[in-house]
Amino acid sequence: MNEYQNPKDRKYTAELLNSAPKESEAFMNLKHTAERKDGAIPVKYRELMSIAVALTTQCAYCMESHIQNAKKAGATKEEIAETVFIASAIRAGGAVGNGLLAMRIFDEV
């Protein structure tokens, strides 16, 4: 295999969903709930949060989808850029937080 996360892979969506119907139904319900328009958090902010998560989980498909949705909801390129750096800072902060645990584990070993 010479490439990963190719947009052509989307042709497998139905196959994946149909191969695990109960699990995919639960996932899709969660996805639709998270992306709802009638929540206390406005759609644009939901999408910016989704972009931040997609960046940290490194899901190219999620990034593409949520950036499209965020743009439709009025997000600017500057907001996307700030989201990138906020996500990277939080991701780095997670490493530092786990670094504290590493120091304790070292002392306890």
PDB file of N, CA and C in Angstrom:
ATOM      1  N   MET A   1       0.851  -1.170   0.000  1.00  0.00           N
ATOM      2  CA  MET A   1       0.000   0.000   0.000  1.00  0.00           C
ATOM      3  C   MET A   1       0.897   1.233   0.000  1.00  0.00           C
ATOM      4  N   ASN A   2       0.619   2.162  -0.889  1.00  0.00           N
ATOM      5  CA  ASN A   2       1.496   3.317  -0.991  1.00  0.00           C
ATOM      6  C   ASN A   2       0.859   4.634  -0.565  1.00  0.00           C
ATOM      7  N   GLU A   3      -0.399   4.598  -0.115  1.00  0.00           N
ATOM      8  CA  GLU A   3      -1.022   5.823   0.383  1.00  0.00           C
ATOM      9  C   GLU A   3      -2.116   5.501   1.395  1.00  0.00           C
ATOM     10  N   TYR A   4      -2.357   6.456   2.279  1.00  0.00           N
ATOM     11  CA  TYR A   4      -3.379   6.322   3.315  1.00  0.00           C
ATOM     12  C   TYR A   4      -4.302   7.526   3.253  1.00  0.00           C
ATOM     13  N   GLN A   5      -5.483   7.379   3.792  1.00  0.00           N
ATOM     14  CA  GLN A   5      -6.487   8.440   3.860  1.00  0.00           C
ATOM     15  C   GLN A   5      -6.663   9.154   2.526  1.00  0.00           C
ATOM     16  N   ASN A   6      -7.040   8.391   1.539  1.00  0.00           N
ATOM     17  CA  ASN A   6      -7.332   8.926   0.222  1.00  0.00           C
ATOM     18  C   ASN A   6      -8.830   9.214   0.159  1.00  0.00           C
ATOM     19  N   PRO A   7      -9.247  10.366  -0.348  1.00  0.00           N
ATOM     20  CA  PRO A   7     -10.686  10.652  -0.450  1.00  0.00           C
ATOM     21  C   PRO A   7     -11.479   9.579  -1.191  1.00  0.00           C
ATOM     22  N   LYS A   8     -10.833   8.823  -2.063  1.00  0.00           N
ATOM     23  CA  LYS A   8     -11.511   7.737  -2.775  1.00  0.00           C
ATOM     24  C   LYS A   8     -12.007   6.657  -1.811  1.00  0.00           C
ATOM     25  N   ASP A   9     -11.417   6.596  -0.616  1.00  0.00           N
ATOM     26  CA  ASP A   9     -11.822   5.585   0.361  1.00  0.00           C
ATOM     27  C   ASP A   9     -13.256   5.780   0.841  1.00  0.00           C
ATOM     28  N   ARG A  10     -13.797   6.966   0.626  1.00  0.00           N
ATOM     29  CA  ARG A  10     -15.183   7.216   1.057  1.00  0.00           C
ATOM     30  C   ARG A  10     -16.174   6.261   0.396  1.00  0.00           C
ATOM     31  N   LYS A  11     -15.775   5.655  -0.714  1.00  0.00           N
ATOM     32  CA  LYS A  11     -16.676   4.705  -1.382  1.00  0.00           C
ATOM     33  C   LYS A  11     -16.958   3.499  -0.498  1.00  0.00           C
ATOM     34  N   TYR A  12     -16.168   3.303   0.563  1.00  0.00           N
ATOM     35  CA  TYR A  12     -16.366   2.189   1.483  1.00  0.00           C
ATOM     36  C   TYR A  12     -17.282   2.530   2.660  1.00  0.00           C
ATOM     37  N   THR A  13     -17.805   3.745   2.688  1.00  0.00           N
ATOM     38  CA  THR A  13     -18.618   4.179   3.818  1.00  0.00           C
ATOM     39  C   THR A  13     -19.816   3.259   4.047  1.00  0.00           C
ATOM     40  N   ALA A  14     -20.598   3.029   3.026  1.00  0.00           N
ATOM     41  CA  ALA A  14     -21.794   2.188   3.180  1.00  0.00           C
ATOM     42  C   ALA A  14     -21.412   0.777   3.611  1.00  0.00           C
ATOM     43  N   GLU A  15     -20.354   0.245   3.026  1.00  0.00           N
ATOM     44  CA  GLU A  15     -19.910  -1.100   3.393  1.00  0.00           C
ATOM     45  C   GLU A  15     -19.536  -1.166   4.872  1.00  0.00           C
ATOM     46  N   LEU A  16     -18.808  -0.164   5.338  1.00  0.00           N
ATOM     47  CA  LEU A  16     -18.407  -0.131   6.742  1.00  0.00           C
ATOM     48  C   LEU A  16     -19.632  -0.035   7.644  1.00  0.00           C
ATOM     49  N   LEU A  17     -20.533   0.894   7.349  1.00  0.00           N
ATOM     50  CA  LEU A  17     -21.732   1.072   8.172  1.00  0.00           C
ATOM     51  C   LEU A  17     -22.608  -0.179   8.166  1.00  0.00           C
ATOM     52  N   ASN A  18     -22.772  -0.786   7.010  1.00  0.00           N
ATOM     53  CA  ASN A  18     -23.623  -1.981   6.896  1.00  0.00           C
ATOM     54  C   ASN A  18     -22.991  -3.224   7.514  1.00  0.00           C
ATOM     55  N   SER A  19     -21.689  -3.234   7.655  1.00  0.00           N
ATOM     56  CA  SER A  19     -21.004  -4.394   8.226  1.00  0.00           C
ATOM     57  C   SER A  19     -21.102  -4.455   9.745  1.00  0.00           C
ATOM     58  N   ALA A  20     -21.466  -3.362  10.363  1.00  0.00           N
ATOM     59  CA  ALA A  20     -21.640  -3.318  11.825  1.00  0.00           C
ATOM     60  C   ALA A  20     -22.839  -2.411  12.119  1.00  0.00           C
ATOM     61  N   PRO A  21     -24.044  -2.884  11.805  1.00  0.00           N
ATOM     62  CA  PRO A  21     -25.219  -2.001  11.847  1.00  0.00           C
ATOM     63  C   PRO A  21     -25.538  -1.413  13.217  1.00  0.00           C
ATOM     64  N   LYS A  22     -25.459  -2.186  14.272  1.00  0.00           N
ATOM     65  CA  LYS A  22     -25.777  -1.643  15.605  1.00  0.00           C
ATOM     66  C   LYS A  22     -24.750  -0.608  16.031  1.00  0.00           C
ATOM     67  N   GLU A  23     -23.493  -0.930  15.810  1.00  0.00           N
ATOM     68  CA  GLU A  23     -22.421  -0.018  16.198  1.00  0.00           C
ATOM     69  C   GLU A  23     -22.457   1.249  15.365  1.00  0.00           C
ATOM     70  N   SER A  24     -22.680   1.091  14.063  1.00  0.00           N
ATOM     71  CA  SER A  24     -22.708   2.282  13.202  1.00  0.00           C
ATOM     72  C   SER A  24     -23.922   3.150  13.510  1.00  0.00           C
ATOM     73  N   GLU A  25     -25.047   2.529  13.862  1.00  0.00           N
ATOM     74  CA  GLU A  25     -26.223   3.305  14.243  1.00  0.00           C
ATOM     75  C   GLU A  25     -25.931   4.134  15.498  1.00  0.00           C
ATOM     76  N   ALA A  26     -25.291   3.524  16.477  1.00  0.00           N
ATOM     77  CA  ALA A  26     -24.939   4.249  17.703  1.00  0.00           C
ATOM     78  C   ALA A  26     -23.971   5.388  17.400  1.00  0.00           C
ATOM     79  N   PHE A  27     -22.980   5.116  16.566  1.00  0.00           N
ATOM     80  CA  PHE A  27     -22.017   6.151  16.189  1.00  0.00           C
ATOM     81  C   PHE A  27     -22.709   7.300  15.469  1.00  0.00           C
ATOM     82  N   MET A  28     -23.552   6.978  14.505  1.00  0.00           N
ATOM     83  CA  MET A  28     -24.226   8.025  13.733  1.00  0.00           C
ATOM     84  C   MET A  28     -25.163   8.840  14.615  1.00  0.00           C
ATOM     85  N   ASN A  29     -25.815   8.201  15.576  1.00  0.00           N
ATOM     86  CA  ASN A  29     -26.662   8.959  16.509  1.00  0.00           C
ATOM     87  C   ASN A  29     -25.824   9.932  17.334  1.00  0.00           C
ATOM     88  N   LEU A  30     -24.675   9.468  17.805  1.00  0.00           N
ATOM     89  CA  LEU A  30     -23.771  10.341  18.556  1.00  0.00           C
ATOM     90  C   LEU A  30     -23.281  11.485  17.672  1.00  0.00           C
ATOM     91  N   LYS A  31     -22.885  11.165  16.457  1.00  0.00           N
ATOM     92  CA  LYS A  31     -22.401  12.172  15.508  1.00  0.00           C
ATOM     93  C   LYS A  31     -23.471  13.227  15.248  1.00  0.00           C
ATOM     94  N   HIS A  32     -24.692  12.788  14.976  1.00  0.00           N
ATOM     95  CA  HIS A  32     -25.779  13.727  14.687  1.00  0.00           C
ATOM     96  C   HIS A  32     -26.127  14.573  15.916  1.00  0.00           C
ATOM     97  N   THR A  33     -26.054  13.987  17.087  1.00  0.00           N
ATOM     98  CA  THR A  33     -26.316  14.741  18.312  1.00  0.00           C
ATOM     99  C   THR A  33     -25.241  15.806  18.522  1.00  0.00           C
ATOM    100  N   ALA A  34     -23.997  15.434  18.303  1.00  0.00           N
ATOM    101  CA  ALA A  34     -22.894  16.382  18.470  1.00  0.00           C
ATOM    102  C   ALA A  34     -22.969  17.513  17.452  1.00  0.00           C
ATOM    103  N   GLU A  35     -23.503  17.236  16.285  1.00  0.00           N
ATOM    104  CA  GLU A  35     -23.553  18.231  15.215  1.00  0.00           C
ATOM    105  C   GLU A  35     -24.905  18.930  15.101  1.00  0.00           C
ATOM    106  N   ARG A  36     -25.750  18.779  16.097  1.00  0.00           N
ATOM    107  CA  ARG A  36     -27.095  19.362  16.007  1.00  0.00           C
ATOM    108  C   ARG A  36     -27.054  20.885  16.000  1.00  0.00           C
ATOM    109  N   LYS A  37     -28.088  21.455  15.446  1.00  0.00           N
ATOM    110  CA  LYS A  37     -28.162  22.902  15.301  1.00  0.00           C
ATOM    111  C   LYS A  37     -28.945  23.568  16.432  1.00  0.00           C
ATOM    112  N   ASP A  38     -29.623  22.782  17.263  1.00  0.00           N
ATOM    113  CA  ASP A  38     -30.492  23.350  18.286  1.00  0.00           C
ATOM    114  C   ASP A  38     -29.891  23.298  19.693  1.00  0.00           C
ATOM    115  N   GLY A  39     -28.600  23.104  19.794  1.00  0.00           N
ATOM    116  CA  GLY A  39     -27.959  23.046  21.105  1.00  0.00           C
ATOM    117  C   GLY A  39     -27.659  24.431  21.654  1.00  0.00           C
ATOM    118  N   ALA A  40     -27.213  24.481  22.890  1.00  0.00           N
ATOM    119  CA  ALA A  40     -26.838  25.746  23.524  1.00  0.00           C
ATOM    120  C   ALA A  40     -25.591  26.340  22.875  1.00  0.00           C
ATOM    121  N   ILE A  41     -24.729  25.493  22.327  1.00  0.00           N
ATOM    122  CA  ILE A  41     -23.516  25.953  21.659  1.00  0.00           C
ATOM    123  C   ILE A  41     -23.843  26.173  20.185  1.00  0.00           C
ATOM    124  N   PRO A  42     -23.570  27.368  19.663  1.00  0.00           N
ATOM    125  CA  PRO A  42     -23.861  27.627  18.248  1.00  0.00           C
ATOM    126  C   PRO A  42     -23.059  26.713  17.324  1.00  0.00           C
ATOM    127  N   VAL A  43     -23.615  26.475  16.138  1.00  0.00           N
ATOM    128  CA  VAL A  43     -23.029  25.555  15.166  1.00  0.00           C
ATOM    129  C   VAL A  43     -21.572  25.911  14.864  1.00  0.00           C
ATOM    130  N   LYS A  44     -21.282  27.186  14.645  1.00  0.00           N
ATOM    131  CA  LYS A  44     -19.905  27.565  14.299  1.00  0.00           C
ATOM    132  C   LYS A  44     -18.930  27.121  15.374  1.00  0.00           C
ATOM    133  N   TYR A  45     -19.295  27.295  16.629  1.00  0.00           N
ATOM    134  CA  TYR A  45     -18.397  26.894  17.718  1.00  0.00           C
ATOM    135  C   TYR A  45     -18.314  25.380  17.854  1.00  0.00           C
ATOM    136  N   ARG A  46     -19.417  24.692  17.617  1.00  0.00           N
ATOM    137  CA  ARG A  46     -19.384  23.225  17.613  1.00  0.00           C
ATOM    138  C   ARG A  46     -18.405  22.734  16.547  1.00  0.00           C
ATOM    139  N   GLU A  47     -18.457  23.365  15.379  1.00  0.00           N
ATOM    140  CA  GLU A  47     -17.584  22.957  14.289  1.00  0.00           C
ATOM    141  C   GLU A  47     -16.123  23.301  14.580  1.00  0.00           C
ATOM    142  N   LEU A  48     -15.860  24.450  15.182  1.00  0.00           N
ATOM    143  CA  LEU A  48     -14.485  24.793  15.548  1.00  0.00           C
ATOM    144  C   LEU A  48     -13.944  23.804  16.577  1.00  0.00           C
ATOM    145  N   MET A  49     -14.777  23.404  17.534  1.00  0.00           N
ATOM    146  CA  MET A  49     -14.343  22.390  18.495  1.00  0.00           C
ATOM    147  C   MET A  49     -14.084  21.057  17.795  1.00  0.00           C
ATOM    148  N   SER A  50     -14.928  20.727  16.844  1.00  0.00           N
ATOM    149  CA  SER A  50     -14.749  19.480  16.100  1.00  0.00           C
ATOM    150  C   SER A  50     -13.454  19.512  15.291  1.00  0.00           C
ATOM    151  N   ILE A  51     -13.130  20.668  14.741  1.00  0.00           N
ATOM    152  CA  ILE A  51     -11.865  20.802  14.014  1.00  0.00           C
ATOM    153  C   ILE A  51     -10.699  20.585  14.966  1.00  0.00           C
ATOM    154  N   ALA A  52     -10.770  21.184  16.152  1.00  0.00           N
ATOM    155  CA  ALA A  52      -9.689  21.024  17.132  1.00  0.00           C
ATOM    156  C   ALA A  52      -9.494  19.546  17.477  1.00  0.00           C
ATOM    157  N   VAL A  53     -10.586  18.845  17.691  1.00  0.00           N
ATOM    158  CA  VAL A  53     -10.484  17.412  18.000  1.00  0.00           C
ATOM    159  C   VAL A  53      -9.925  16.649  16.806  1.00  0.00           C
ATOM    160  N   ALA A  54     -10.404  16.962  15.614  1.00  0.00           N
ATOM    161  CA  ALA A  54      -9.912  16.283  14.410  1.00  0.00           C
ATOM    162  C   ALA A  54      -8.420  16.509  14.214  1.00  0.00           C
ATOM    163  N   LEU A  55      -7.965  17.711  14.538  1.00  0.00           N
ATOM    164  CA  LEU A  55      -6.531  17.990  14.433  1.00  0.00           C
ATOM    165  C   LEU A  55      -5.737  17.130  15.409  1.00  0.00           C
ATOM    166  N   THR A  56      -6.231  16.990  16.627  1.00  0.00           N
ATOM    167  CA  THR A  56      -5.476  16.227  17.616  1.00  0.00           C
ATOM    168  C   THR A  56      -5.574  14.727  17.386  1.00  0.00           C
ATOM    169  N   THR A  57      -6.685  14.278  16.804  1.00  0.00           N
ATOM    170  CA  THR A  57      -6.800  12.850  16.487  1.00  0.00           C
ATOM    171  C   THR A  57      -6.243  12.544  15.101  1.00  0.00           C
ATOM    172  N   GLN A  58      -5.917  13.574  14.360  1.00  0.00           N
ATOM    173  CA  GLN A  58      -5.308  13.480  13.037  1.00  0.00           C
ATOM    174  C   GLN A  58      -6.184  12.738  12.031  1.00  0.00           C
ATOM    175  N   CYS A  59      -7.470  13.067  12.057  1.00  0.00           N
ATOM    176  CA  CYS A  59      -8.408  12.473  11.102  1.00  0.00           C
ATOM    177  C   CYS A  59      -8.622  13.462   9.954  1.00  0.00           C
ATOM    178  N   ALA A  60      -8.006  13.187   8.820  1.00  0.00           N
ATOM    179  CA  ALA A  60      -8.110  14.079   7.659  1.00  0.00           C
ATOM    180  C   ALA A  60      -9.547  14.201   7.170  1.00  0.00           C
ATOM    181  N   TYR A  61     -10.300  13.105   7.208  1.00  0.00           N
ATOM    182  CA  TYR A  61     -11.687  13.152   6.762  1.00  0.00           C
ATOM    183  C   TYR A  61     -12.509  14.066   7.664  1.00  0.00           C
ATOM    184  N   CYS A  62     -12.284  13.957   8.963  1.00  0.00           N
ATOM    185  CA  CYS A  62     -13.000  14.803   9.922  1.00  0.00           C
ATOM    186  C   CYS A  62     -12.630  16.271   9.731  1.00  0.00           C
ATOM    187  N   MET A  63     -11.337  16.539   9.545  1.00  0.00           N
ATOM    188  CA  MET A  63     -10.905  17.921   9.322  1.00  0.00           C
ATOM    189  C   MET A  63     -11.623  18.505   8.112  1.00  0.00           C
ATOM    190  N   GLU A  64     -11.621  17.772   7.014  1.00  0.00           N
ATOM    191  CA  GLU A  64     -12.248  18.270   5.790  1.00  0.00           C
ATOM    192  C   GLU A  64     -13.732  18.556   6.013  1.00  0.00           C
ATOM    193  N   SER A  65     -14.429  17.608   6.594  1.00  0.00           N
ATOM    194  CA  SER A  65     -15.859  17.745   6.816  1.00  0.00           C
ATOM    195  C   SER A  65     -16.176  18.923   7.740  1.00  0.00           C
ATOM    196  N   HIS A  66     -15.461  19.005   8.860  1.00  0.00           N
ATOM    197  CA  HIS A  66     -15.775  20.047   9.842  1.00  0.00           C
ATOM    198  C   HIS A  66     -15.297  21.428   9.397  1.00  0.00           C
ATOM    199  N   ILE A  67     -14.244  21.500   8.602  1.00  0.00           N
ATOM    200  CA  ILE A  67     -13.838  22.796   8.051  1.00  0.00           C
ATOM    201  C   ILE A  67     -14.898  23.284   7.063  1.00  0.00           C
ATOM    202  N   GLN A  68     -15.416  22.380   6.235  1.00  0.00           N
ATOM    203  CA  GLN A  68     -16.496  22.762   5.316  1.00  0.00           C
ATOM    204  C   GLN A  68     -17.706  23.261   6.100  1.00  0.00           C
ATOM    205  N   ASN A  69     -18.077  22.514   7.145  1.00  0.00           N
ATOM    206  CA  ASN A  69     -19.230  22.903   7.955  1.00  0.00           C
ATOM    207  C   ASN A  69     -18.995  24.226   8.678  1.00  0.00           C
ATOM    208  N   ALA A  70     -17.791  24.417   9.198  1.00  0.00           N
ATOM    209  CA  ALA A  70     -17.471  25.651   9.905  1.00  0.00           C
ATOM    210  C   ALA A  70     -17.541  26.847   8.960  1.00  0.00           C
ATOM    211  N   LYS A  71     -17.018  26.680   7.765  1.00  0.00           N
ATOM    212  CA  LYS A  71     -17.058  27.766   6.788  1.00  0.00           C
ATOM    213  C   LYS A  71     -18.511  28.113   6.448  1.00  0.00           C
ATOM    214  N   LYS A  72     -19.347  27.090   6.252  1.00  0.00           N
ATOM    215  CA  LYS A  72     -20.775  27.328   5.981  1.00  0.00           C
ATOM    216  C   LYS A  72     -21.452  28.044   7.152  1.00  0.00           C
ATOM    217  N   ALA A  73     -20.956  27.788   8.365  1.00  0.00           N
ATOM    218  CA  ALA A  73     -21.534  28.399   9.567  1.00  0.00           C
ATOM    219  C   ALA A  73     -20.951  29.785   9.845  1.00  0.00           C
ATOM    220  N   GLY A  74     -20.069  30.260   8.956  1.00  0.00           N
ATOM    221  CA  GLY A  74     -19.543  31.611   9.094  1.00  0.00           C
ATOM    222  C   GLY A  74     -18.156  31.732   9.676  1.00  0.00           C
ATOM    223  N   ALA A  75     -17.480  30.613   9.902  1.00  0.00           N
ATOM    224  CA  ALA A  75     -16.121  30.682  10.439  1.00  0.00           C
ATOM    225  C   ALA A  75     -15.182  31.277   9.399  1.00  0.00           C
ATOM    226  N   THR A  76     -14.209  32.019   9.884  1.00  0.00           N
ATOM    227  CA  THR A  76     -13.227  32.635   9.000  1.00  0.00           C
ATOM    228  C   THR A  76     -11.951  31.805   8.970  1.00  0.00           C
ATOM    229  N   LYS A  77     -11.109  32.109   8.001  1.00  0.00           N
ATOM    230  CA  LYS A  77      -9.816  31.434   7.913  1.00  0.00           C
ATOM    231  C   LYS A  77      -8.990  31.727   9.164  1.00  0.00           C
ATOM    232  N   GLU A  78      -9.114  32.946   9.695  1.00  0.00           N
ATOM    233  CA  GLU A  78      -8.388  33.312  10.916  1.00  0.00           C
ATOM    234  C   GLU A  78      -8.863  32.492  12.111  1.00  0.00           C
ATOM    235  N   GLU A  79     -10.159  32.226  12.183  1.00  0.00           N
ATOM    236  CA  GLU A  79     -10.678  31.385  13.272  1.00  0.00           C
ATOM    237  C   GLU A  79     -10.165  29.951  13.140  1.00  0.00           C
ATOM    238  N   ILE A  80     -10.086  29.466  11.913  1.00  0.00           N
ATOM    239  CA  ILE A  80      -9.534  28.126  11.695  1.00  0.00           C
ATOM    240  C   ILE A  80      -8.073  28.110  12.143  1.00  0.00           C
ATOM    241  N   ALA A  81      -7.314  29.127  11.758  1.00  0.00           N
ATOM    242  CA  ALA A  81      -5.897  29.196  12.139  1.00  0.00           C
ATOM    243  C   ALA A  81      -5.740  29.239  13.654  1.00  0.00           C
ATOM    244  N   GLU A  82      -6.546  30.041  14.338  1.00  0.00           N
ATOM    245  CA  GLU A  82      -6.469  30.084  15.804  1.00  0.00           C
ATOM    246  C   GLU A  82      -6.825  28.736  16.396  1.00  0.00           C
ATOM    247  N   THR A  83      -7.809  28.067  15.817  1.00  0.00           N
ATOM    248  CA  THR A  83      -8.200  26.737  16.285  1.00  0.00           C
ATOM    249  C   THR A  83      -7.028  25.768  16.162  1.00  0.00           C
ATOM    250  N   VAL A  84      -6.289  25.859  15.058  1.00  0.00           N
ATOM    251  CA  VAL A  84      -5.110  25.005  14.860  1.00  0.00           C
ATOM    252  C   VAL A  84      -4.126  25.184  16.008  1.00  0.00           C
ATOM    253  N   PHE A  85      -3.846  26.423  16.357  1.00  0.00           N
ATOM    254  CA  PHE A  85      -2.837  26.667  17.386  1.00  0.00           C
ATOM    255  C   PHE A  85      -3.356  26.397  18.796  1.00  0.00           C
ATOM    256  N   ILE A  86      -4.638  26.622  19.027  1.00  0.00           N
ATOM    257  CA  ILE A  86      -5.209  26.248  20.327  1.00  0.00           C
ATOM    258  C   ILE A  86      -5.143  24.729  20.496  1.00  0.00           C
ATOM    259  N   ALA A  87      -5.519  23.994  19.448  1.00  0.00           N
ATOM    260  CA  ALA A  87      -5.466  22.525  19.512  1.00  0.00           C
ATOM    261  C   ALA A  87      -4.043  22.044  19.730  1.00  0.00           C
ATOM    262  N   SER A  88      -3.088  22.668  19.054  1.00  0.00           N
ATOM    263  CA  SER A  88      -1.700  22.220  19.215  1.00  0.00           C
ATOM    264  C   SER A  88      -1.189  22.523  20.613  1.00  0.00           C
ATOM    265  N   ALA A  89      -1.603  23.636  21.190  1.00  0.00           N
ATOM    266  CA  ALA A  89      -1.186  23.965  22.561  1.00  0.00           C
ATOM    267  C   ALA A  89      -1.787  22.984  23.563  1.00  0.00           C
ATOM    268  N   ILE A  90      -3.059  22.649  23.368  1.00  0.00           N
ATOM    269  CA  ILE A  90      -3.705  21.691  24.279  1.00  0.00           C
ATOM    270  C   ILE A  90      -3.074  20.317  24.123  1.00  0.00           C
ATOM    271  N   ARG A  91      -2.773  19.930  22.885  1.00  0.00           N
ATOM    272  CA  ARG A  91      -2.119  18.633  22.648  1.00  0.00           C
ATOM    273  C   ARG A  91      -0.753  18.602  23.340  1.00  0.00           C
ATOM    274  N   ALA A  92      -0.015  19.703  23.213  1.00  0.00           N
ATOM    275  CA  ALA A  92       1.290  19.793  23.878  1.00  0.00           C
ATOM    276  C   ALA A  92       1.109  19.783  25.390  1.00  0.00           C
ATOM    277  N   GLY A  93       0.073  20.446  25.869  1.00  0.00           N
ATOM    278  CA  GLY A  93      -0.209  20.449  27.299  1.00  0.00           C
ATOM    279  C   GLY A  93      -0.497  19.055  27.818  1.00  0.00           C
ATOM    280  N   GLY A  94      -1.165  18.248  27.001  1.00  0.00           N
ATOM    281  CA  GLY A  94      -1.415  16.859  27.383  1.00  0.00           C
ATOM    282  C   GLY A  94      -0.123  16.083  27.558  1.00  0.00           C
ATOM    283  N   ALA A  95       0.836  16.364  26.683  1.00  0.00           N
ATOM    284  CA  ALA A  95       2.140  15.696  26.808  1.00  0.00           C
ATOM    285  C   ALA A  95       2.831  16.127  28.092  1.00  0.00           C
ATOM    286  N   VAL A  96       2.737  17.409  28.430  1.00  0.00           N
ATOM    287  CA  VAL A  96       3.339  17.886  29.678  1.00  0.00           C
ATOM    288  C   VAL A  96       2.632  17.253  30.874  1.00  0.00           C
ATOM    289  N   GLY A  97       1.302  17.186  30.823  1.00  0.00           N
ATOM    290  CA  GLY A  97       0.550  16.549  31.902  1.00  0.00           C
ATOM    291  C   GLY A  97       0.952  15.102  32.089  1.00  0.00           C
ATOM    292  N   ASN A  98       1.113  14.387  30.984  1.00  0.00           N
ATOM    293  CA  ASN A  98       1.576  13.004  31.077  1.00  0.00           C
ATOM    294  C   ASN A  98       3.028  12.941  31.504  1.00  0.00           C
ATOM    295  N   GLY A  99       3.775  14.001  31.218  1.00  0.00           N
ATOM    296  CA  GLY A  99       5.149  14.084  31.698  1.00  0.00           C
ATOM    297  C   GLY A  99       5.212  14.116  33.213  1.00  0.00           C
ATOM    298  N   LEU A 100       4.242  14.783  33.841  1.00  0.00           N
ATOM    299  CA  LEU A 100       4.167  14.782  35.306  1.00  0.00           C
ATOM    300  C   LEU A 100       3.964  13.364  35.826  1.00  0.00           C
ATOM    301  N   LEU A 101       3.072  12.627  35.160  1.00  0.00           N
ATOM    302  CA  LEU A 101       2.848  11.229  35.517  1.00  0.00           C
ATOM    303  C   LEU A 101       4.125  10.418  35.311  1.00  0.00           C
ATOM    304  N   ALA A 102       4.838  10.669  34.222  1.00  0.00           N
ATOM    305  CA  ALA A 102       6.091   9.960  33.957  1.00  0.00           C
ATOM    306  C   ALA A 102       7.099  10.184  35.088  1.00  0.00           C
ATOM    307  N   MET A 103       7.179  11.416  35.588  1.00  0.00           N
ATOM    308  CA  MET A 103       8.109  11.719  36.672  1.00  0.00           C
ATOM    309  C   MET A 103       7.737  10.935  37.940  1.00  0.00           C
ATOM    310  N   ARG A 104       6.400  10.877  38.217  1.00  0.00           N
ATOM    311  CA  ARG A 104       5.950  10.129  39.404  1.00  0.00           C
ATOM    312  C   ARG A 104       6.220   8.642  39.233  1.00  0.00           C
ATOM    313  N   ILE A 105       5.920   8.119  38.049  1.00  0.00           N
ATOM    314  CA  ILE A 105       6.180   6.689  37.804  1.00  0.00           C
ATOM    315  C   ILE A 105       7.655   6.392  37.979  1.00  0.00           C
ATOM    316  N   PHE A 106       8.522   7.258  37.465  1.00  0.00           N
ATOM    317  CA  PHE A 106       9.963   7.055  37.630  1.00  0.00           C
ATOM    318  C   PHE A 106      10.324   6.967  39.092  1.00  0.00           C
ATOM    319  N   ASP A 107       9.799   7.874  39.913  1.00  0.00           N
ATOM    320  CA  ASP A 107      10.090   7.850  41.351  1.00  0.00           C
ATOM    321  C   ASP A 107       9.549   6.613  42.047  1.00  0.00           C
ATOM    322  N   GLU A 108       8.407   6.093  41.546  1.00  0.00           N
ATOM    323  CA  GLU A 108       7.791   4.947  42.193  1.00  0.00           C
ATOM    324  C   GLU A 108       8.400   3.621  41.754  1.00  0.00           C
ATOM    325  N   VAL A 109       9.124   3.595  40.666  1.00  0.00           N
ATOM    326  CA  VAL A 109       9.717   2.348  40.169  1.00  0.00           C
ATOM    327  C   VAL A 109      10.966   2.022  40.946  1.00  0.00           C
TER     328      VAL A 109
END
